[in-house]
Amino acid sequence: MGQPRRITDSFPRRRGPGRPPGRLKDKNKKDKDKDKDKVQVKVRDSPSQPPPDPALLEMLRRFDLSWEYGPCAGITRLQRWERAQELGLSPPGPIRDALLEHRDNPDVTYRWVWDGM
């Protein structure tokens, strides 16, 4: 009896032209130095924003969890509020005011995500 079949036996092997099997393309010292120069830590350029008020975040969380205004996945809170308004569901006005006031803060703009069980 021969060796057991593997799932990789079903697929053709691909090798680059002129490269021996099992060997990677060697980099010369000059290329390695260039790669070291390219590696830099990118710092996100954003103005420092004070954290939003916990009471505001709680109000927005309650809005997120309220199913009477429709699903909240895949859209911003303001888009959800506007959709609920168009459908005649009368979403709370203070929510819209807070969303417009803190438009540049992602903690306020995007919905609350529950990561517990």
N, C-alpha and C. Protein backbone atom coordinates (compact mmCIF):
# COMPACT_ATOMS: atom_id res chain seq x y z
N MET A 1 0.84 -1.18 0.00
CA MET A 1 0.00 0.00 0.00
C MET A 1 0.89 1.24 0.00
N GLY A 2 0.55 2.24 -0.79
CA GLY A 2 1.37 3.44 -0.93
C GLY A 2 1.07 4.47 0.16
N GLN A 3 1.61 5.63 -0.02
CA GLN A 3 1.39 6.70 0.94
C GLN A 3 -0.05 7.18 0.88
N PRO A 4 -0.59 7.69 2.01
CA PRO A 4 -1.95 8.21 1.98
C PRO A 4 -2.02 9.47 1.12
N ARG A 5 -3.16 9.65 0.47
CA ARG A 5 -3.34 10.83 -0.39
C ARG A 5 -3.52 12.08 0.48
N ARG A 6 -3.02 13.17 -0.02
CA ARG A 6 -3.18 14.46 0.65
C ARG A 6 -4.05 15.35 -0.22
N ILE A 7 -4.66 16.33 0.40
CA ILE A 7 -5.50 17.25 -0.38
C ILE A 7 -4.67 18.02 -1.39
N THR A 8 -3.42 18.26 -1.09
CA THR A 8 -2.57 19.01 -2.02
C THR A 8 -2.21 18.20 -3.25
N ASP A 9 -2.42 16.87 -3.22
CA ASP A 9 -2.14 16.04 -4.39
C ASP A 9 -3.11 16.35 -5.53
N SER A 10 -4.26 16.94 -5.21
CA SER A 10 -5.28 17.23 -6.22
C SER A 10 -4.99 18.49 -7.03
N PHE A 11 -4.05 19.29 -6.59
CA PHE A 11 -3.77 20.57 -7.24
C PHE A 11 -2.40 20.54 -7.89
N PRO A 12 -2.27 21.15 -9.06
CA PRO A 12 -0.97 21.15 -9.72
C PRO A 12 0.02 22.03 -8.96
N ARG A 13 1.26 21.63 -9.02
CA ARG A 13 2.30 22.42 -8.37
C ARG A 13 2.73 23.54 -9.30
N ARG A 14 2.91 24.70 -8.73
CA ARG A 14 3.32 25.87 -9.51
C ARG A 14 4.68 26.32 -9.03
N ARG A 15 5.57 26.46 -9.96
CA ARG A 15 6.90 26.97 -9.64
C ARG A 15 7.24 28.04 -10.65
N GLY A 16 7.96 29.05 -10.17
CA GLY A 16 8.37 30.12 -11.05
C GLY A 16 9.43 29.64 -12.04
N PRO A 17 9.54 30.33 -13.17
CA PRO A 17 10.52 29.92 -14.17
C PRO A 17 11.95 30.14 -13.67
N GLY A 18 12.78 29.14 -13.87
CA GLY A 18 14.19 29.25 -13.53
C GLY A 18 14.50 29.17 -12.05
N ARG A 19 13.54 28.86 -11.24
CA ARG A 19 13.79 28.78 -9.81
C ARG A 19 13.78 27.31 -9.38
N PRO A 20 14.80 26.87 -8.68
CA PRO A 20 14.80 25.48 -8.24
C PRO A 20 13.72 25.27 -7.17
N PRO A 21 13.17 24.07 -7.07
CA PRO A 21 12.12 23.84 -6.09
C PRO A 21 12.62 24.05 -4.67
N GLY A 22 11.78 24.65 -3.84
CA GLY A 22 12.11 24.83 -2.43
C GLY A 22 13.02 26.00 -2.12
N ARG A 23 13.40 26.79 -3.08
CA ARG A 23 14.29 27.93 -2.83
C ARG A 23 13.55 29.22 -3.11
N LEU A 24 13.72 30.17 -2.23
CA LEU A 24 13.12 31.48 -2.42
C LEU A 24 14.10 32.38 -3.14
N LYS A 25 13.58 33.39 -3.72
CA LYS A 25 14.40 34.37 -4.43
C LYS A 25 15.30 35.07 -3.42
N ASP A 26 16.60 35.07 -3.68
CA ASP A 26 17.54 35.73 -2.78
C ASP A 26 17.54 37.24 -3.02
N LYS A 27 17.61 37.97 -1.92
CA LYS A 27 17.72 39.42 -2.04
C LYS A 27 19.17 39.81 -1.81
N ASN A 28 19.63 40.74 -2.58
CA ASN A 28 20.99 41.20 -2.34
C ASN A 28 20.98 42.25 -1.23
N LYS A 29 22.16 42.60 -0.75
CA LYS A 29 22.29 43.50 0.39
C LYS A 29 21.65 44.86 0.09
N LYS A 30 21.76 45.34 -1.13
CA LYS A 30 21.22 46.65 -1.49
C LYS A 30 19.69 46.67 -1.31
N ASP A 31 19.01 45.60 -1.75
CA ASP A 31 17.56 45.52 -1.60
C ASP A 31 17.15 45.45 -0.13
N LYS A 32 17.94 44.74 0.67
CA LYS A 32 17.62 44.63 2.10
C LYS A 32 17.71 45.99 2.77
N ASP A 33 18.71 46.79 2.41
CA ASP A 33 18.84 48.12 2.99
C ASP A 33 17.67 49.02 2.60
N LYS A 34 17.20 48.89 1.37
CA LYS A 34 16.04 49.68 0.94
C LYS A 34 14.81 49.32 1.75
N ASP A 35 14.62 48.01 2.00
CA ASP A 35 13.46 47.57 2.77
C ASP A 35 13.50 48.12 4.19
N LYS A 36 14.69 48.18 4.78
CA LYS A 36 14.81 48.72 6.13
C LYS A 36 14.44 50.19 6.17
N ASP A 37 14.82 50.92 5.11
CA ASP A 37 14.50 52.34 5.06
C ASP A 37 13.00 52.57 4.90
N LYS A 38 12.32 51.66 4.22
CA LYS A 38 10.88 51.83 3.97
C LYS A 38 10.03 51.57 5.21
N VAL A 39 10.54 50.75 6.14
CA VAL A 39 9.75 50.40 7.31
C VAL A 39 9.71 51.60 8.26
N GLN A 40 8.54 52.14 8.43
CA GLN A 40 8.35 53.26 9.33
C GLN A 40 7.02 53.08 10.04
N VAL A 41 6.95 53.62 11.21
CA VAL A 41 5.70 53.55 11.95
C VAL A 41 4.82 54.70 11.47
N LYS A 42 3.62 54.35 11.03
CA LYS A 42 2.70 55.37 10.56
C LYS A 42 1.83 55.80 11.73
N VAL A 43 1.82 57.08 11.99
CA VAL A 43 1.00 57.64 13.05
C VAL A 43 -0.20 58.30 12.41
N ARG A 44 -1.36 57.97 12.91
CA ARG A 44 -2.59 58.53 12.36
C ARG A 44 -2.69 60.01 12.72
N ASP A 45 -2.82 60.82 11.69
CA ASP A 45 -2.93 62.26 11.91
C ASP A 45 -4.38 62.62 12.17
N SER A 46 -4.71 62.75 13.43
CA SER A 46 -6.06 63.17 13.77
C SER A 46 -5.97 64.08 14.98
N PRO A 47 -6.78 65.10 14.99
CA PRO A 47 -6.74 65.99 16.13
C PRO A 47 -7.21 65.25 17.38
N SER A 48 -6.58 65.59 18.49
CA SER A 48 -6.97 64.92 19.73
C SER A 48 -8.35 65.39 20.13
N GLN A 49 -9.23 64.44 20.35
CA GLN A 49 -10.60 64.74 20.70
C GLN A 49 -10.83 64.29 22.13
N PRO A 50 -11.49 65.10 22.90
CA PRO A 50 -11.80 64.65 24.25
C PRO A 50 -12.81 63.51 24.17
N PRO A 51 -12.74 62.57 25.10
CA PRO A 51 -13.70 61.47 25.07
C PRO A 51 -15.11 62.00 25.29
N PRO A 52 -16.09 61.41 24.63
CA PRO A 52 -17.46 61.88 24.79
C PRO A 52 -17.98 61.61 26.20
N ASP A 53 -18.96 62.37 26.58
CA ASP A 53 -19.57 62.25 27.89
C ASP A 53 -20.18 60.85 28.04
N PRO A 54 -19.96 60.17 29.17
CA PRO A 54 -20.53 58.83 29.36
C PRO A 54 -22.06 58.83 29.27
N ALA A 55 -22.71 59.90 29.70
CA ALA A 55 -24.17 59.97 29.60
C ALA A 55 -24.61 60.01 28.13
N LEU A 56 -23.84 60.70 27.31
CA LEU A 56 -24.14 60.75 25.88
C LEU A 56 -23.99 59.36 25.26
N LEU A 57 -22.89 58.67 25.60
CA LEU A 57 -22.66 57.33 25.07
C LEU A 57 -23.76 56.36 25.51
N GLU A 58 -24.24 56.52 26.74
CA GLU A 58 -25.33 55.66 27.22
C GLU A 58 -26.62 55.94 26.45
N MET A 59 -26.90 57.21 26.18
CA MET A 59 -28.09 57.57 25.41
C MET A 59 -28.00 56.97 24.01
N LEU A 60 -26.82 57.05 23.38
CA LEU A 60 -26.63 56.49 22.04
C LEU A 60 -26.71 54.96 22.06
N ARG A 61 -26.21 54.35 23.13
CA ARG A 61 -26.29 52.90 23.24
C ARG A 61 -27.74 52.44 23.33
N ARG A 62 -28.56 53.17 24.09
CA ARG A 62 -29.98 52.83 24.18
C ARG A 62 -30.66 52.99 22.82
N PHE A 63 -30.26 54.01 22.06
CA PHE A 63 -30.79 54.19 20.70
C PHE A 63 -30.40 53.00 19.82
N ASP A 64 -29.14 52.54 19.95
CA ASP A 64 -28.68 51.39 19.17
C ASP A 64 -29.49 50.14 19.48
N LEU A 65 -29.82 49.95 20.74
CA LEU A 65 -30.50 48.73 21.16
C LEU A 65 -32.01 48.78 20.96
N SER A 66 -32.53 49.93 20.59
CA SER A 66 -33.96 50.08 20.38
C SER A 66 -34.33 49.61 18.98
N TRP A 67 -35.07 48.49 18.89
CA TRP A 67 -35.41 47.90 17.60
C TRP A 67 -36.53 48.64 16.88
N GLU A 68 -37.21 49.54 17.59
CA GLU A 68 -38.33 50.24 16.95
C GLU A 68 -37.88 51.17 15.82
N TYR A 69 -36.57 51.48 15.75
CA TYR A 69 -36.05 52.35 14.69
C TYR A 69 -35.36 51.57 13.59
N GLY A 70 -35.49 50.27 13.57
CA GLY A 70 -34.92 49.44 12.52
C GLY A 70 -33.52 48.95 12.85
N PRO A 71 -32.99 48.09 12.00
CA PRO A 71 -31.65 47.54 12.25
C PRO A 71 -30.56 48.61 12.16
N CYS A 72 -29.48 48.37 12.88
CA CYS A 72 -28.41 49.37 12.92
C CYS A 72 -27.11 48.86 12.31
N ALA A 73 -27.11 47.68 11.74
CA ALA A 73 -25.88 47.12 11.17
C ALA A 73 -25.60 47.72 9.80
N GLY A 74 -24.36 48.13 9.59
CA GLY A 74 -23.92 48.58 8.28
C GLY A 74 -24.16 50.04 7.97
N ILE A 75 -24.71 50.81 8.90
CA ILE A 75 -24.94 52.24 8.66
C ILE A 75 -24.52 53.01 9.91
N THR A 76 -24.32 54.30 9.73
CA THR A 76 -23.98 55.13 10.87
C THR A 76 -25.24 55.42 11.68
N ARG A 77 -25.03 55.94 12.86
CA ARG A 77 -26.18 56.28 13.71
C ARG A 77 -27.04 57.37 13.07
N LEU A 78 -26.40 58.34 12.44
CA LEU A 78 -27.15 59.42 11.82
C LEU A 78 -27.98 58.90 10.64
N GLN A 79 -27.41 58.00 9.86
CA GLN A 79 -28.17 57.40 8.76
C GLN A 79 -29.37 56.63 9.29
N ARG A 80 -29.19 55.94 10.40
CA ARG A 80 -30.30 55.20 11.00
C ARG A 80 -31.37 56.15 11.49
N TRP A 81 -30.93 57.25 12.13
CA TRP A 81 -31.89 58.23 12.64
C TRP A 81 -32.70 58.82 11.47
N GLU A 82 -31.99 59.20 10.40
CA GLU A 82 -32.67 59.79 9.23
C GLU A 82 -33.62 58.79 8.57
N ARG A 83 -33.23 57.53 8.48
CA ARG A 83 -34.10 56.51 7.91
C ARG A 83 -35.37 56.36 8.76
N ALA A 84 -35.20 56.33 10.08
CA ALA A 84 -36.36 56.22 10.97
C ALA A 84 -37.28 57.42 10.82
N GLN A 85 -36.70 58.61 10.65
CA GLN A 85 -37.51 59.82 10.46
C GLN A 85 -38.31 59.75 9.16
N GLU A 86 -37.66 59.29 8.09
CA GLU A 86 -38.34 59.16 6.80
C GLU A 86 -39.49 58.16 6.86
N LEU A 87 -39.33 57.13 7.70
CA LEU A 87 -40.36 56.11 7.83
C LEU A 87 -41.46 56.51 8.82
N GLY A 88 -41.34 57.70 9.40
CA GLY A 88 -42.35 58.18 10.33
C GLY A 88 -42.30 57.52 11.69
N LEU A 89 -41.12 57.08 12.12
CA LEU A 89 -40.99 56.38 13.40
C LEU A 89 -40.68 57.32 14.56
N SER A 90 -40.55 58.59 14.32
CA SER A 90 -40.30 59.62 15.34
C SER A 90 -39.11 59.29 16.26
N PRO A 91 -37.90 59.25 15.71
CA PRO A 91 -36.73 59.02 16.58
C PRO A 91 -36.48 60.24 17.46
N PRO A 92 -35.83 60.08 18.60
CA PRO A 92 -35.61 61.19 19.52
C PRO A 92 -34.75 62.29 18.90
N GLY A 93 -35.19 63.53 19.05
CA GLY A 93 -34.46 64.69 18.53
C GLY A 93 -33.10 64.90 19.17
N PRO A 94 -32.95 64.69 20.50
CA PRO A 94 -31.62 64.88 21.11
C PRO A 94 -30.55 63.95 20.53
N ILE A 95 -30.96 62.81 20.02
CA ILE A 95 -29.98 61.91 19.40
C ILE A 95 -29.40 62.56 18.16
N ARG A 96 -30.25 63.12 17.32
CA ARG A 96 -29.78 63.78 16.10
C ARG A 96 -28.89 64.97 16.44
N ASP A 97 -29.30 65.76 17.42
CA ASP A 97 -28.50 66.92 17.83
C ASP A 97 -27.10 66.49 18.29
N ALA A 98 -27.04 65.43 19.08
CA ALA A 98 -25.75 64.94 19.59
C ALA A 98 -24.89 64.41 18.44
N LEU A 99 -25.52 63.71 17.50
CA LEU A 99 -24.77 63.17 16.37
C LEU A 99 -24.21 64.26 15.48
N LEU A 100 -24.97 65.31 15.28
CA LEU A 100 -24.48 66.43 14.47
C LEU A 100 -23.40 67.22 15.20
N GLU A 101 -23.53 67.34 16.50
CA GLU A 101 -22.54 68.09 17.29
C GLU A 101 -21.19 67.36 17.33
N HIS A 102 -21.22 66.04 17.39
CA HIS A 102 -19.99 65.24 17.50
C HIS A 102 -19.74 64.45 16.22
N ARG A 103 -19.99 65.07 15.10
CA ARG A 103 -19.89 64.40 13.79
C ARG A 103 -18.51 63.83 13.51
N ASP A 104 -17.44 64.45 14.02
CA ASP A 104 -16.08 64.01 13.73
C ASP A 104 -15.56 62.95 14.69
N ASN A 105 -16.34 62.58 15.67
CA ASN A 105 -15.89 61.61 16.67
C ASN A 105 -16.44 60.22 16.33
N PRO A 106 -15.57 59.26 15.99
CA PRO A 106 -16.07 57.93 15.60
C PRO A 106 -16.77 57.20 16.74
N ASP A 107 -16.44 57.52 17.99
CA ASP A 107 -17.13 56.88 19.12
C ASP A 107 -18.60 57.27 19.15
N VAL A 108 -18.92 58.42 18.60
CA VAL A 108 -20.31 58.89 18.57
C VAL A 108 -20.97 58.55 17.24
N THR A 109 -20.23 58.65 16.17
CA THR A 109 -20.80 58.45 14.83
C THR A 109 -21.26 57.02 14.58
N TYR A 110 -20.44 56.06 15.01
CA TYR A 110 -20.73 54.67 14.70
C TYR A 110 -21.39 53.97 15.87
N ARG A 111 -22.13 52.93 15.55
CA ARG A 111 -22.93 52.27 16.57
C ARG A 111 -22.07 51.56 17.60
N TRP A 112 -22.67 51.33 18.72
CA TRP A 112 -22.04 50.61 19.81
C TRP A 112 -21.98 49.13 19.45
N VAL A 113 -20.83 48.49 19.69
CA VAL A 113 -20.67 47.08 19.38
C VAL A 113 -20.48 46.33 20.68
N TRP A 114 -21.35 45.38 20.91
CA TRP A 114 -21.26 44.58 22.12
C TRP A 114 -20.33 43.42 21.86
N ASP A 115 -19.23 43.33 22.62
CA ASP A 115 -18.26 42.26 22.38
C ASP A 115 -18.25 41.24 23.51
N GLY A 116 -19.26 41.23 24.34
CA GLY A 116 -19.34 40.22 25.40
C GLY A 116 -20.29 39.12 25.01
N MET A 117 -20.48 38.21 25.89
CA MET A 117 -21.40 37.09 25.61
C MET A 117 -22.68 37.24 26.37
